[in-house]
Amino acid sequence: VFTAKKQGKSTLAAGIVNYALLAGGRRAEVYGVAHTRD
């Protein structure tokens, strides 16, 4: 997702994380990768 700052990208991604975990079936692995740990 490429859009300007403060448009809700992180909030949307967090929702996708939770959906992917709950709907992903057995042994789903969901990763979020950024440049830094912070």
PDB file of all heavy atoms in Angstrom:
ATOM      1  N   VAL A   1       0.863  -1.175   0.000  1.00  0.00           N
ATOM      2  CA  VAL A   1       0.000   0.000   0.000  1.00  0.00           C
ATOM      3  C   VAL A   1       0.901   1.228   0.000  1.00  0.00           C
ATOM      4  O   VAL A   1       1.738   1.390   0.893  1.00  0.00           O
ATOM      5  CB  VAL A   1      -0.928   0.023   1.233  1.00  0.00           C
ATOM      6  CG1 VAL A   1      -1.768   1.290   1.246  1.00  0.00           C
ATOM      7  CG2 VAL A   1      -1.813  -1.212   1.255  1.00  0.00           C
ATOM      8  N   PHE A   2       0.749   2.060  -0.998  1.00  0.00           N
ATOM      9  CA  PHE A   2       1.528   3.288  -1.107  1.00  0.00           C
ATOM     10  C   PHE A   2       0.566   4.466  -1.082  1.00  0.00           C
ATOM     11  O   PHE A   2      -0.230   4.636  -1.993  1.00  0.00           O
ATOM     12  CB  PHE A   2       2.328   3.306  -2.417  1.00  0.00           C
ATOM     13  CG  PHE A   2       3.345   2.208  -2.496  1.00  0.00           C
ATOM     14  CD1 PHE A   2       3.031   0.997  -3.106  1.00  0.00           C
ATOM     15  CD2 PHE A   2       4.608   2.371  -1.952  1.00  0.00           C
ATOM     16  CE1 PHE A   2       3.966  -0.017  -3.184  1.00  0.00           C
ATOM     17  CE2 PHE A   2       5.542   1.362  -2.024  1.00  0.00           C
ATOM     18  CZ  PHE A   2       5.226   0.158  -2.637  1.00  0.00           C
ATOM     19  N   THR A   3       0.634   5.231  -0.020  1.00  0.00           N
ATOM     20  CA  THR A   3      -0.170   6.437   0.101  1.00  0.00           C
ATOM     21  C   THR A   3       0.523   7.364   1.089  1.00  0.00           C
ATOM     22  O   THR A   3       1.473   6.950   1.770  1.00  0.00           O
ATOM     23  CB  THR A   3      -1.627   6.121   0.529  1.00  0.00           C
ATOM     24  OG1 THR A   3      -2.420   7.293   0.438  1.00  0.00           O
ATOM     25  CG2 THR A   3      -1.701   5.563   1.932  1.00  0.00           C
ATOM     26  N   ALA A   4       0.081   8.578   1.172  1.00  0.00           N
ATOM     27  CA  ALA A   4       0.718   9.573   2.034  1.00  0.00           C
ATOM     28  C   ALA A   4       0.651   9.167   3.503  1.00  0.00           C
ATOM     29  O   ALA A   4      -0.147   8.308   3.893  1.00  0.00           O
ATOM     30  CB  ALA A   4       0.036  10.921   1.838  1.00  0.00           C
ATOM     31  N   LYS A   5       1.481   9.814   4.316  1.00  0.00           N
ATOM     32  CA  LYS A   5       1.471   9.581   5.755  1.00  0.00           C
ATOM     33  C   LYS A   5       0.110   9.937   6.341  1.00  0.00           C
ATOM     34  O   LYS A   5      -0.610  10.769   5.801  1.00  0.00           O
ATOM     35  CB  LYS A   5       2.536  10.452   6.440  1.00  0.00           C
ATOM     36  CG  LYS A   5       3.948  10.026   6.156  1.00  0.00           C
ATOM     37  CD  LYS A   5       4.903  10.930   6.926  1.00  0.00           C
ATOM     38  CE  LYS A   5       6.328  10.452   6.748  1.00  0.00           C
ATOM     39  NZ  LYS A   5       7.256  11.210   7.583  1.00  0.00           N
ATOM     40  N   LYS A   6      -0.195   9.287   7.460  1.00  0.00           N
ATOM     41  CA  LYS A   6      -1.397   9.578   8.244  1.00  0.00           C
ATOM     42  C   LYS A   6      -2.692   9.260   7.489  1.00  0.00           C
ATOM     43  O   LYS A   6      -3.706   9.915   7.674  1.00  0.00           O
ATOM     44  CB  LYS A   6      -1.417  11.033   8.730  1.00  0.00           C
ATOM     45  CG  LYS A   6      -0.189  11.425   9.525  1.00  0.00           C
ATOM     46  CD  LYS A   6      -0.085  10.604  10.778  1.00  0.00           C
ATOM     47  CE  LYS A   6       1.156  10.970  11.578  1.00  0.00           C
ATOM     48  NZ  LYS A   6       1.460   9.995  12.601  1.00  0.00           N
ATOM     49  N   GLN A   7      -2.656   8.231   6.653  1.00  0.00           N
ATOM     50  CA  GLN A   7      -3.855   7.823   5.909  1.00  0.00           C
ATOM     51  C   GLN A   7      -4.437   6.505   6.425  1.00  0.00           C
ATOM     52  O   GLN A   7      -5.365   5.968   5.836  1.00  0.00           O
ATOM     53  CB  GLN A   7      -3.539   7.706   4.414  1.00  0.00           C
ATOM     54  CG  GLN A   7      -3.085   8.992   3.778  1.00  0.00           C
ATOM     55  CD  GLN A   7      -4.115  10.080   3.902  1.00  0.00           C
ATOM     56  OE1 GLN A   7      -5.265   9.915   3.546  1.00  0.00           O
ATOM     57  NE2 GLN A   7      -3.707  11.225   4.443  1.00  0.00           N
ATOM     58  N   GLY A   8      -3.882   5.957   7.490  1.00  0.00           N
ATOM     59  CA  GLY A   8      -4.431   4.743   8.087  1.00  0.00           C
ATOM     60  C   GLY A   8      -3.822   3.447   7.578  1.00  0.00           C
ATOM     61  O   GLY A   8      -4.408   2.380   7.763  1.00  0.00           O
ATOM     62  N   LYS A   9      -2.653   3.529   6.963  1.00  0.00           N
ATOM     63  CA  LYS A   9      -2.021   2.305   6.436  1.00  0.00           C
ATOM     64  C   LYS A   9      -1.697   1.316   7.552  1.00  0.00           C
ATOM     65  O   LYS A   9      -1.977   0.125   7.427  1.00  0.00           O
ATOM     66  CB  LYS A   9      -0.732   2.641   5.676  1.00  0.00           C
ATOM     67  CG  LYS A   9      -0.911   3.474   4.436  1.00  0.00           C
ATOM     68  CD  LYS A   9       0.415   3.766   3.757  1.00  0.00           C
ATOM     69  CE  LYS A   9       1.420   4.521   4.561  1.00  0.00           C
ATOM     70  NZ  LYS A   9       1.128   5.934   4.801  1.00  0.00           N
ATOM     71  N   SER A  10      -1.111   1.799   8.645  1.00  0.00           N
ATOM     72  CA  SER A  10      -0.724   0.907   9.739  1.00  0.00           C
ATOM     73  C   SER A  10      -1.944   0.300  10.415  1.00  0.00           C
ATOM     74  O   SER A  10      -1.951  -0.886  10.766  1.00  0.00           O
ATOM     75  CB  SER A  10       0.129   1.654  10.768  1.00  0.00           C
ATOM     76  OG  SER A  10       1.339   2.071  10.182  1.00  0.00           O
ATOM     77  N   THR A  11      -2.980   1.078  10.589  1.00  0.00           N
ATOM     78  CA  THR A  11      -4.207   0.573  11.202  1.00  0.00           C
ATOM     79  C   THR A  11      -4.836  -0.486  10.306  1.00  0.00           C
ATOM     80  O   THR A  11      -5.263  -1.542  10.788  1.00  0.00           O
ATOM     81  CB  THR A  11      -5.195   1.731  11.459  1.00  0.00           C
ATOM     82  OG1 THR A  11      -4.535   2.718  12.252  1.00  0.00           O
ATOM     83  CG2 THR A  11      -6.434   1.256  12.173  1.00  0.00           C
ATOM     84  N   LEU A  12      -4.873  -0.232   9.009  1.00  0.00           N
ATOM     85  CA  LEU A  12      -5.400  -1.219   8.067  1.00  0.00           C
ATOM     86  C   LEU A  12      -4.557  -2.491   8.105  1.00  0.00           C
ATOM     87  O   LEU A  12      -5.098  -3.608   8.162  1.00  0.00           O
ATOM     88  CB  LEU A  12      -5.424  -0.645   6.649  1.00  0.00           C
ATOM     89  CG  LEU A  12      -5.951  -1.568   5.550  1.00  0.00           C
ATOM     90  CD1 LEU A  12      -7.426  -1.872   5.758  1.00  0.00           C
ATOM     91  CD2 LEU A  12      -5.723  -0.948   4.185  1.00  0.00           C
ATOM     92  N   ALA A  13      -3.242  -2.340   8.095  1.00  0.00           N
ATOM     93  CA  ALA A  13      -2.350  -3.503   8.134  1.00  0.00           C
ATOM     94  C   ALA A  13      -2.556  -4.305   9.414  1.00  0.00           C
ATOM     95  O   ALA A  13      -2.551  -5.547   9.388  1.00  0.00           O
ATOM     96  CB  ALA A  13      -0.898  -3.065   8.004  1.00  0.00           C
ATOM     97  N   ALA A  14      -2.751  -3.634  10.536  1.00  0.00           N
ATOM     98  CA  ALA A  14      -2.984  -4.328  11.801  1.00  0.00           C
ATOM     99  C   ALA A  14      -4.280  -5.140  11.745  1.00  0.00           C
ATOM    100  O   ALA A  14      -4.344  -6.272  12.242  1.00  0.00           O
ATOM    101  CB  ALA A  14      -3.033  -3.327  12.951  1.00  0.00           C
ATOM    102  N   GLY A  15      -5.305  -4.579  11.132  1.00  0.00           N
ATOM    103  CA  GLY A  15      -6.555  -5.327  10.965  1.00  0.00           C
ATOM    104  C   GLY A  15      -6.367  -6.546  10.082  1.00  0.00           C
ATOM    105  O   GLY A  15      -6.895  -7.633  10.364  1.00  0.00           O
ATOM    106  N   ILE A  16      -5.586  -6.397   9.020  1.00  0.00           N
ATOM    107  CA  ILE A  16      -5.297  -7.524   8.121  1.00  0.00           C
ATOM    108  C   ILE A  16      -4.532  -8.607   8.876  1.00  0.00           C
ATOM    109  O   ILE A  16      -4.801  -9.800   8.699  1.00  0.00           O
ATOM    110  CB  ILE A  16      -4.530  -7.050   6.870  1.00  0.00           C
ATOM    111  CG1 ILE A  16      -5.443  -6.189   5.988  1.00  0.00           C
ATOM    112  CG2 ILE A  16      -3.979  -8.233   6.087  1.00  0.00           C
ATOM    113  CD1 ILE A  16      -4.721  -5.482   4.846  1.00  0.00           C
ATOM    114  N   VAL A  17      -3.598  -8.213   9.726  1.00  0.00           N
ATOM    115  CA  VAL A  17      -2.842  -9.170  10.540  1.00  0.00           C
ATOM    116  C   VAL A  17      -3.810 -10.041  11.347  1.00  0.00           C
ATOM    117  O   VAL A  17      -3.724 -11.271  11.337  1.00  0.00           O
ATOM    118  CB  VAL A  17      -1.868  -8.435  11.493  1.00  0.00           C
ATOM    119  CG1 VAL A  17      -1.420  -9.321  12.644  1.00  0.00           C
ATOM    120  CG2 VAL A  17      -0.677  -7.910  10.724  1.00  0.00           C
ATOM    121  N   ASN A  18      -4.718  -9.394  12.051  1.00  0.00           N
ATOM    122  CA  ASN A  18      -5.649 -10.149  12.898  1.00  0.00           C
ATOM    123  C   ASN A  18      -6.585 -11.024  12.074  1.00  0.00           C
ATOM    124  O   ASN A  18      -6.856 -12.168  12.443  1.00  0.00           O
ATOM    125  CB  ASN A  18      -6.411  -9.196  13.814  1.00  0.00           C
ATOM    126  CG  ASN A  18      -5.514  -8.609  14.883  1.00  0.00           C
ATOM    127  OD1 ASN A  18      -4.666  -9.298  15.441  1.00  0.00           O
ATOM    128  ND2 ASN A  18      -5.669  -7.333  15.164  1.00  0.00           N
ATOM    129  N   TYR A  19      -7.051 -10.511  10.942  1.00  0.00           N
ATOM    130  CA  TYR A  19      -7.893 -11.330  10.072  1.00  0.00           C
ATOM    131  C   TYR A  19      -7.106 -12.536   9.546  1.00  0.00           C
ATOM    132  O   TYR A  19      -7.604 -13.666   9.557  1.00  0.00           O
ATOM    133  CB  TYR A  19      -8.431 -10.507   8.898  1.00  0.00           C
ATOM    134  CG  TYR A  19      -9.278 -11.338   7.971  1.00  0.00           C
ATOM    135  CD1 TYR A  19     -10.605 -11.614   8.287  1.00  0.00           C
ATOM    136  CD2 TYR A  19      -8.753 -11.873   6.803  1.00  0.00           C
ATOM    137  CE1 TYR A  19     -11.381 -12.402   7.464  1.00  0.00           C
ATOM    138  CE2 TYR A  19      -9.526 -12.667   5.971  1.00  0.00           C
ATOM    139  CZ  TYR A  19     -10.847 -12.927   6.307  1.00  0.00           C
ATOM    140  OH  TYR A  19     -11.607 -13.725   5.479  1.00  0.00           O
ATOM    141  N   ALA A  20      -5.893 -12.294   9.093  1.00  0.00           N
ATOM    142  CA  ALA A  20      -5.074 -13.379   8.533  1.00  0.00           C
ATOM    143  C   ALA A  20      -4.827 -14.469   9.568  1.00  0.00           C
ATOM    144  O   ALA A  20      -4.848 -15.665   9.241  1.00  0.00           O
ATOM    145  CB  ALA A  20      -3.755 -12.829   7.999  1.00  0.00           C
ATOM    146  N   LEU A  21      -4.607 -14.073  10.806  1.00  0.00           N
ATOM    147  CA  LEU A  21      -4.408 -15.070  11.858  1.00  0.00           C
ATOM    148  C   LEU A  21      -5.666 -15.893  12.097  1.00  0.00           C
ATOM    149  O   LEU A  21      -5.611 -17.116  12.223  1.00  0.00           O
ATOM    150  CB  LEU A  21      -3.997 -14.397  13.168  1.00  0.00           C
ATOM    151  CG  LEU A  21      -2.533 -14.107  13.329  1.00  0.00           C
ATOM    152  CD1 LEU A  21      -2.292 -13.317  14.605  1.00  0.00           C
ATOM    153  CD2 LEU A  21      -1.723 -15.380  13.343  1.00  0.00           C
ATOM    154  N   LEU A  22      -6.801 -15.229  12.163  1.00  0.00           N
ATOM    155  CA  LEU A  22      -8.043 -15.922  12.490  1.00  0.00           C
ATOM    156  C   LEU A  22      -8.617 -16.713  11.318  1.00  0.00           C
ATOM    157  O   LEU A  22      -9.267 -17.732  11.523  1.00  0.00           O
ATOM    158  CB  LEU A  22      -9.072 -14.919  13.015  1.00  0.00           C
ATOM    159  CG  LEU A  22      -8.703 -14.322  14.374  1.00  0.00           C
ATOM    160  CD1 LEU A  22      -9.564 -13.112  14.672  1.00  0.00           C
ATOM    161  CD2 LEU A  22      -8.829 -15.370  15.467  1.00  0.00           C
ATOM    162  N   ALA A  23      -8.367 -16.267  10.102  1.00  0.00           N
ATOM    163  CA  ALA A  23      -8.942 -16.934   8.928  1.00  0.00           C
ATOM    164  C   ALA A  23      -7.926 -17.777   8.170  1.00  0.00           C
ATOM    165  O   ALA A  23      -8.282 -18.440   7.201  1.00  0.00           O
ATOM    166  CB  ALA A  23      -9.545 -15.883   7.981  1.00  0.00           C
ATOM    167  N   GLY A  24      -6.689 -17.771   8.607  1.00  0.00           N
ATOM    168  CA  GLY A  24      -5.610 -18.408   7.851  1.00  0.00           C
ATOM    169  C   GLY A  24      -5.526 -19.917   7.935  1.00  0.00           C
ATOM    170  O   GLY A  24      -4.728 -20.526   7.243  1.00  0.00           O
ATOM    171  N   GLY A  25      -6.333 -20.521   8.783  1.00  0.00           N
ATOM    172  CA  GLY A  25      -6.283 -21.971   8.905  1.00  0.00           C
ATOM    173  C   GLY A  25      -5.128 -22.426   9.781  1.00  0.00           C
ATOM    174  O   GLY A  25      -4.452 -21.623  10.421  1.00  0.00           O
ATOM    175  N   ARG A  26      -4.907 -23.713   9.790  1.00  0.00           N
ATOM    176  CA  ARG A  26      -3.874 -24.302  10.637  1.00  0.00           C
ATOM    177  C   ARG A  26      -2.477 -23.846  10.231  1.00  0.00           C
ATOM    178  O   ARG A  26      -2.138 -23.787   9.066  1.00  0.00           O
ATOM    179  CB  ARG A  26      -3.920 -25.823  10.565  1.00  0.00           C
ATOM    180  CG  ARG A  26      -5.116 -26.402  11.258  1.00  0.00           C
ATOM    181  CD  ARG A  26      -4.800 -27.800  11.791  1.00  0.00           C
ATOM    182  NE  ARG A  26      -5.785 -28.175  12.784  1.00  0.00           N
ATOM    183  CZ  ARG A  26      -5.744 -27.798  14.065  1.00  0.00           C
ATOM    184  NH1 ARG A  26      -4.767 -27.058  14.501  1.00  0.00           N
ATOM    185  NH2 ARG A  26      -6.678 -28.169  14.899  1.00  0.00           N
ATOM    186  N   ARG A  27      -1.711 -23.521  11.264  1.00  0.00           N
ATOM    187  CA  ARG A  27      -0.294 -23.190  11.141  1.00  0.00           C
ATOM    188  C   ARG A  27      -0.011 -22.034  10.174  1.00  0.00           C
ATOM    189  O   ARG A  27       1.001 -22.018   9.497  1.00  0.00           O
ATOM    190  CB  ARG A  27       0.503 -24.430  10.777  1.00  0.00           C
ATOM    191  CG  ARG A  27       0.328 -25.531  11.834  1.00  0.00           C
ATOM    192  CD  ARG A  27       1.255 -26.691  11.687  1.00  0.00           C
ATOM    193  NE  ARG A  27       2.605 -26.230  11.966  1.00  0.00           N
ATOM    194  CZ  ARG A  27       3.679 -26.657  11.289  1.00  0.00           C
ATOM    195  NH1 ARG A  27       3.560 -27.548  10.344  1.00  0.00           N
ATOM    196  NH2 ARG A  27       4.872 -26.187  11.585  1.00  0.00           N
ATOM    197  N   ALA A  28      -0.925 -21.072  10.135  1.00  0.00           N
ATOM    198  CA  ALA A  28      -0.704 -19.883   9.306  1.00  0.00           C
ATOM    199  C   ALA A  28       0.459 -19.079   9.883  1.00  0.00           C
ATOM    200  O   ALA A  28       0.593 -18.947  11.099  1.00  0.00           O
ATOM    201  CB  ALA A  28      -1.955 -19.023   9.252  1.00  0.00           C
ATOM    202  N   GLU A  29       1.301 -18.572   9.009  1.00  0.00           N
ATOM    203  CA  GLU A  29       2.409 -17.707   9.397  1.00  0.00           C
ATOM    204  C   GLU A  29       2.202 -16.361   8.722  1.00  0.00           C
ATOM    205  O   GLU A  29       2.135 -16.276   7.502  1.00  0.00           O
ATOM    206  CB  GLU A  29       3.741 -18.319   8.970  1.00  0.00           C
ATOM    207  CG  GLU A  29       4.049 -19.624   9.661  1.00  0.00           C
ATOM    208  CD  GLU A  29       5.390 -20.217   9.251  1.00  0.00           C
ATOM    209  OE1 GLU A  29       6.189 -19.516   8.581  1.00  0.00           O
ATOM    210  OE2 GLU A  29       5.628 -21.384   9.604  1.00  0.00           O
ATOM    211  N   VAL A  30       2.090 -15.327   9.532  1.00  0.00           N
ATOM    212  CA  VAL A  30       1.856 -13.980   9.035  1.00  0.00           C
ATOM    213  C   VAL A  30       3.043 -13.133   9.471  1.00  0.00           C
ATOM    214  O   VAL A  30       3.402 -13.126  10.651  1.00  0.00           O
ATOM    215  CB  VAL A  30       0.542 -13.400   9.613  1.00  0.00           C
ATOM    216  CG1 VAL A  30       0.284 -12.005   9.070  1.00  0.00           C
ATOM    217  CG2 VAL A  30      -0.628 -14.332   9.331  1.00  0.00           C
ATOM    218  N   TYR A  31       3.666 -12.436   8.532  1.00  0.00           N
ATOM    219  CA  TYR A  31       4.843 -11.629   8.838  1.00  0.00           C
ATOM    220  C   TYR A  31       4.609 -10.180   8.424  1.00  0.00           C
ATOM    221  O   TYR A  31       4.011  -9.915   7.384  1.00  0.00           O
ATOM    222  CB  TYR A  31       6.078 -12.150   8.099  1.00  0.00           C
ATOM    223  CG  TYR A  31       6.478 -13.543   8.511  1.00  0.00           C
ATOM    224  CD1 TYR A  31       6.056 -14.650   7.781  1.00  0.00           C
ATOM    225  CD2 TYR A  31       7.261 -13.753   9.644  1.00  0.00           C
ATOM    226  CE1 TYR A  31       6.415 -15.937   8.165  1.00  0.00           C
ATOM    227  CE2 TYR A  31       7.624 -15.028  10.029  1.00  0.00           C
ATOM    228  CZ  TYR A  31       7.197 -16.122   9.284  1.00  0.00           C
ATOM    229  OH  TYR A  31       7.555 -17.385   9.672  1.00  0.00           O
ATOM    230  N   GLY A  32       5.118  -9.280   9.238  1.00  0.00           N
ATOM    231  CA  GLY A  32       5.144  -7.872   8.904  1.00  0.00           C
ATOM    232  C   GLY A  32       6.595  -7.424   8.924  1.00  0.00           C
ATOM    233  O   GLY A  32       7.260  -7.550   9.950  1.00  0.00           O
ATOM    234  N   VAL A  33       7.092  -6.935   7.803  1.00  0.00           N
ATOM    235  CA  VAL A  33       8.502  -6.574   7.704  1.00  0.00           C
ATOM    236  C   VAL A  33       8.616  -5.075   7.415  1.00  0.00           C
ATOM    237  O   VAL A  33       7.942  -4.554   6.538  1.00  0.00           O
ATOM    238  CB  VAL A  33       9.205  -7.380   6.583  1.00  0.00           C
ATOM    239  CG1 VAL A  33      10.678  -7.027   6.515  1.00  0.00           C
ATOM    240  CG2 VAL A  33       9.013  -8.875   6.805  1.00  0.00           C
ATOM    241  N   ALA A  34       9.474  -4.413   8.174  1.00  0.00           N
ATOM    242  CA  ALA A  34       9.755  -2.992   7.967  1.00  0.00           C
ATOM    243  C   ALA A  34      11.270  -2.805   8.000  1.00  0.00           C
ATOM    244  O   ALA A  34      12.010  -3.729   8.312  1.00  0.00           O
ATOM    245  CB  ALA A  34       9.090  -2.168   9.067  1.00  0.00           C
ATOM    246  N   HIS A  35      11.712  -1.611   7.662  1.00  0.00           N
ATOM    247  CA  HIS A  35      13.152  -1.339   7.642  1.00  0.00           C
ATOM    248  C   HIS A  35      13.782  -1.547   9.013  1.00  0.00           C
ATOM    249  O   HIS A  35      14.864  -2.090   9.120  1.00  0.00           O
ATOM    250  CB  HIS A  35      13.436   0.087   7.168  1.00  0.00           C
ATOM    251  CG  HIS A  35      13.309   0.260   5.694  1.00  0.00           C
ATOM    252  ND1 HIS A  35      14.191  -0.293   4.800  1.00  0.00           N
ATOM    253  CD2 HIS A  35      12.390   0.919   4.958  1.00  0.00           C
ATOM    254  CE1 HIS A  35      13.818   0.019   3.574  1.00  0.00           C
ATOM    255  NE2 HIS A  35      12.733   0.752   3.637  1.00  0.00           N
ATOM    256  N   THR A  36      13.105  -1.075  10.060  1.00  0.00           N
ATOM    257  CA  THR A  36      13.674  -1.170  11.407  1.00  0.00           C
ATOM    258  C   THR A  36      12.706  -1.891  12.335  1.00  0.00           C
ATOM    259  O   THR A  36      11.501  -1.991  12.062  1.00  0.00           O
ATOM    260  CB  THR A  36      13.950   0.226  11.994  1.00  0.00           C
ATOM    261  OG1 THR A  36      12.704   0.884  12.234  1.00  0.00           O
ATOM    262  CG2 THR A  36      14.825   1.057  11.071  1.00  0.00           C
ATOM    263  N   ARG A  37      13.239  -2.340  13.465  1.00  0.00           N
ATOM    264  CA  ARG A  37      12.403  -3.013  14.476  1.00  0.00           C
ATOM    265  C   ARG A  37      11.336  -2.047  15.001  1.00  0.00           C
ATOM    266  O   ARG A  37      10.204  -2.447  15.252  1.00  0.00           O
ATOM    267  CB  ARG A  37      13.302  -3.526  15.596  1.00  0.00           C
ATOM    268  CG  ARG A  37      12.586  -4.346  16.636  1.00  0.00           C
ATOM    269  CD  ARG A  37      13.595  -5.124  17.480  1.00  0.00           C
ATOM    270  NE  ARG A  37      13.003  -5.705  18.653  1.00  0.00           N
ATOM    271  CZ  ARG A  37      12.284  -6.817  18.669  1.00  0.00           C
ATOM    272  NH1 ARG A  37      12.041  -7.461  17.547  1.00  0.00           N
ATOM    273  NH2 ARG A  37      11.795  -7.282  19.803  1.00  0.00           N
ATOM    274  N   ASP A  38      11.699  -0.772  15.168  1.00  0.00           N
ATOM    275  CA  ASP A  38      10.726   0.209  15.654  1.00  0.00           C
ATOM    276  C   ASP A  38       9.565   0.366  14.676  1.00  0.00           C
ATOM    277  O   ASP A  38       8.410   0.455  15.081  1.00  0.00           O
ATOM    278  CB  ASP A  38      11.400   1.564  15.892  1.00  0.00           C
ATOM    279  CG  ASP A  38      12.301   1.570  17.111  1.00  0.00           C
ATOM    280  OD1 ASP A  38      12.156   0.674  17.980  1.00  0.00           O
ATOM    281  OD2 ASP A  38      13.154   2.469  17.198  1.00  0.00           O
TER     282      ASP A  38
END
